[in-house]
Protein backbone atom coordinates (compact mmCIF):
# COMPACT_ATOMS: atom_id res chain seq x y z
CA MET A 1 0.00 0.00 0.00
CA THR A 2 1.20 3.49 -0.74
CA LYS A 3 1.60 6.18 1.87
CA GLU A 4 -1.38 8.00 0.31
CA ASP A 5 -3.52 4.84 0.58
CA ILE A 6 -2.67 4.48 4.27
CA GLU A 7 -3.41 8.16 4.93
CA PHE A 8 -6.73 7.81 3.10
CA LEU A 9 -7.67 4.79 5.23
CA LYS A 10 -6.62 6.54 8.45
CA ASP A 11 -8.70 9.59 7.60
CA LEU A 12 -11.67 7.43 6.60
CA GLN A 13 -11.37 5.35 9.77
CA HIS A 14 -11.25 8.47 11.94
CA GLU A 15 -14.28 9.95 10.18
CA ILE A 16 -16.30 6.73 10.46
CA ASN A 17 -15.42 6.41 14.15
CA THR A 18 -16.33 10.03 14.99
CA GLN A 19 -19.17 11.01 12.62
CA GLU A 20 -22.78 11.51 13.63
CA THR A 21 -24.88 8.36 13.81
CA ASP A 22 -28.15 10.05 12.86
CA GLY A 23 -29.85 7.64 15.25
CA GLN A 24 -28.79 4.51 13.38
CA ALA A 25 -27.08 1.48 14.89
CA ASP A 26 -23.89 -0.02 13.50
CA PRO A 27 -23.10 -0.90 10.83
CA ARG A 28 -24.46 2.22 9.19
CA PHE A 29 -24.20 3.85 5.80
CA TRP A 30 -25.78 6.83 4.09
CA VAL A 31 -27.98 7.18 1.02
CA VAL A 32 -29.68 10.03 -0.79
CA ASN A 33 -33.32 10.51 0.10
CA GLN A 34 -35.57 12.72 -1.98
CA SER A 35 -39.12 13.96 -2.15
CA LYS A 36 -41.33 12.13 -4.62
CA ARG A 37 -44.66 13.63 -5.66
CA ASP A 38 -47.50 11.20 -6.36
CA TRP A 39 -50.56 12.52 -8.19
CA GLY A 40 -54.18 11.55 -8.44
CA PHE A 41 -55.42 11.73 -4.87
CA GLU A 42 -58.84 13.06 -4.03
CA SER A 43 -58.72 16.13 -1.79
CA GLY A 44 -59.53 14.18 1.38
CA TYR A 45 -56.55 11.89 0.81
CA ALA A 46 -54.09 14.42 -0.60
CA ASP A 47 -51.44 16.43 1.22
CA ASP A 48 -52.39 19.41 -0.91
CA ILE A 49 -53.91 20.40 -4.23
CA MET A 50 -52.90 22.48 -7.21
CA ILE A 51 -54.26 23.37 -10.62
CA CYS A 52 -53.05 21.35 -13.61
CA ASN A 53 -53.71 21.38 -17.32
CA CYS A 54 -53.43 18.81 -20.09
CA ASP A 55 -49.99 20.16 -21.08
CA GLY A 56 -48.54 19.18 -17.69
CA ASP A 57 -48.34 22.75 -16.34
CA THR A 58 -49.09 23.23 -12.64
CA TRP A 59 -49.90 26.16 -10.39
CA GLU A 60 -49.48 25.82 -6.64
CA THR A 61 -51.14 29.06 -5.51
CA THR A 62 -54.28 30.85 -6.56
CA GLU A 63 -52.24 34.02 -7.07
CA GLU A 64 -49.91 32.48 -9.65
CA PHE A 65 -52.83 30.78 -11.40
CA LEU A 66 -54.81 34.04 -11.59
CA ASP A 67 -51.72 35.84 -12.95
CA TYR A 68 -51.33 33.15 -15.61
CA LEU A 69 -55.02 33.37 -16.60
CA VAL A 70 -54.80 37.15 -17.04
CA GLU A 71 -51.48 37.00 -18.93
CA ASP A 72 -52.78 34.33 -21.32
CA GLY A 73 -56.14 36.03 -21.88
CA TYR A 74 -58.39 33.52 -20.14
CA LEU A 75 -59.64 36.25 -17.77
CA TYR A 76 -59.56 40.03 -17.71
CA LYS A 77 -58.10 41.73 -14.70
CA SER A 78 -61.44 43.54 -14.24
CA GLU A 79 -63.11 40.13 -13.66
CA ILE A 80 -60.97 39.52 -10.58
CA ASP A 81 -61.68 41.08 -7.19
CA GLU A 82 -58.16 41.64 -5.86
CA ASN A 83 -59.49 41.97 -2.29
CA TYR A 84 -61.12 38.54 -2.42
CA ASP A 85 -59.32 35.37 -1.31
CA TYR A 86 -60.23 32.94 -4.10
CA ASN A 87 -59.89 29.18 -3.86
CA PHE A 88 -59.19 26.96 -6.86
CA ASP A 89 -62.83 25.87 -7.21
CA GLU A 90 -64.00 29.49 -7.40
CA ILE A 91 -61.40 30.33 -10.03
CA LEU A 92 -62.36 27.33 -12.15
CA ALA A 93 -66.01 28.42 -11.89
CA LEU A 94 -65.00 31.75 -13.51
CA LEU A 95 -63.72 29.87 -16.54
CA ASP A 96 -65.76 28.28 -19.25
CA ASN A 97 -62.87 25.98 -20.04
CA SER A 98 -62.19 22.33 -19.32
CA ASP A 99 -58.42 22.59 -19.89
CA PHE A 100 -57.78 23.07 -16.17
CA TYR A 101 -58.50 20.77 -13.27
CA ILE A 102 -57.67 20.33 -9.60
CA CYS A 103 -54.94 17.78 -8.86
CA GLY A 104 -54.47 16.23 -5.45
CA TYR A 105 -50.97 15.09 -4.55
CA ARG A 106 -48.83 13.67 -1.78
CA ASP A 107 -45.14 14.34 -1.24
CA GLU A 108 -43.36 11.32 0.15
CA ASP A 109 -39.72 10.64 0.87
CA SER A 110 -38.08 7.92 -1.15
CA ILE A 111 -34.59 6.46 -1.09
CA VAL A 112 -32.70 7.00 -4.32
CA SER A 113 -31.53 3.67 -5.70
CA ASP A 114 -27.86 3.12 -6.45
CA THR A 115 -26.62 5.51 -3.76
CA PHE A 116 -24.34 4.28 -0.96
CA PHE A 117 -21.84 6.26 1.10
CA LEU A 118 -19.62 5.19 3.99
CA THR A 119 -19.71 8.69 5.48
CA LYS A 120 -22.34 11.35 5.87
CA ARG A 121 -19.85 13.92 4.53
CA ALA A 122 -19.44 11.97 1.28
CA CYS A 123 -23.21 11.83 0.87
CA GLU A 124 -23.49 15.58 1.52
CA GLN A 125 -20.77 16.28 -1.05
CA HIS A 126 -22.56 14.10 -3.60
CA ILE A 127 -25.79 16.02 -3.02
CA GLU A 128 -23.95 19.35 -3.29
CA GLN A 129 -22.41 18.34 -6.63
CA ASN A 130 -25.35 16.39 -8.07
CA GLY A 131 -28.41 17.75 -6.28
CA TYR A 132 -29.95 18.97 -9.52
CA HIS A 133 -30.70 15.31 -10.35
CA TYR A 134 -32.97 14.99 -7.31
CA SER A 135 -36.06 16.60 -5.82
CA LYS A 136 -35.35 18.14 -2.39
CA PRO A 137 -32.47 15.73 -1.63
CA HIS A 138 -31.05 15.10 1.83
CA THR A 139 -28.85 12.54 3.54
CA TYR A 140 -30.45 9.52 5.12
CA ALA A 141 -28.65 7.11 7.45
CA MET A 142 -29.45 3.41 7.29
CA THR A 143 -28.35 0.33 9.19
CA ALA A 144 -27.09 -2.68 7.27
CA TRP A 145 -29.30 -4.94 9.34
CA ARG A 146 -28.56 -8.65 9.09
CA SER A 147 -25.59 -8.12 6.81
CA PRO A 148 -22.93 -10.16 8.60
CA GLU A 149 -20.13 -9.49 6.09
CA TYR A 150 -20.59 -5.73 6.18
CA GLU A 151 -20.99 -5.74 9.94
CA ARG A 152 -17.79 -7.76 10.41
CA PHE A 153 -15.89 -5.67 7.86
CA MET A 154 -16.87 -2.40 9.57
CA LYS A 155 -16.00 -3.77 13.01
CA ILE A 156 -12.55 -4.80 11.76
CA PHE A 157 -12.00 -1.56 9.84
CA LYS A 158 -13.05 0.65 12.74
CA SER A 159 -10.48 -1.00 15.06
CA LEU A 160 -7.72 -1.70 12.54
CA ASN A 161 -4.23 -0.46 13.52
CA LEU A 162 -3.13 1.27 10.34
CA ASP A 163 0.20 2.46 11.74
CA GLY A 164 1.83 -0.96 11.30
CA ILE A 165 1.06 -1.35 7.59
CA GLU A 166 4.08 -1.51 5.29
CA VAL A 167 4.43 1.33 2.81
CA THR A 168 5.23 0.37 -0.76
CA SER A 169 6.41 2.57 -3.58
CA ASN A 170 3.92 4.73 -5.49
CA ASP A 171 4.59 2.72 -8.67
């Protein structure tokens, strides 16, 4: 092993032995968790609602939907009482148009497949560099429950004396 390899292992060992556990038992690892939006829920079963159209456009607030309707000529500004707090049903009633409908949705966390990090820091760096691939990403600690090889490997690695390892050339 090279001197750089040994230093890498020492640093990794120190980080693994001193990092936050995020409430998980050993052996732990980190993954990317993200928010996943599921559509099609009726209002009583949804986390929230928004307006959608057949083109896949969505509006989360009545204000942004009203602005869109005025800008695109569906409504005139004079038809809107700016002092009134409209709800989506009332806005849709102003329209004689079936292109818009109310969509119920739920936001749920989901673990991103093919992510695995030995340290929380590595997971955070991955999210910082690649977060644009995910929806509201964050780190998530997991326990490798009933994984005897990983558990034994981590136990050995965490207690390994790396000072006695022979240094080879960098070739």
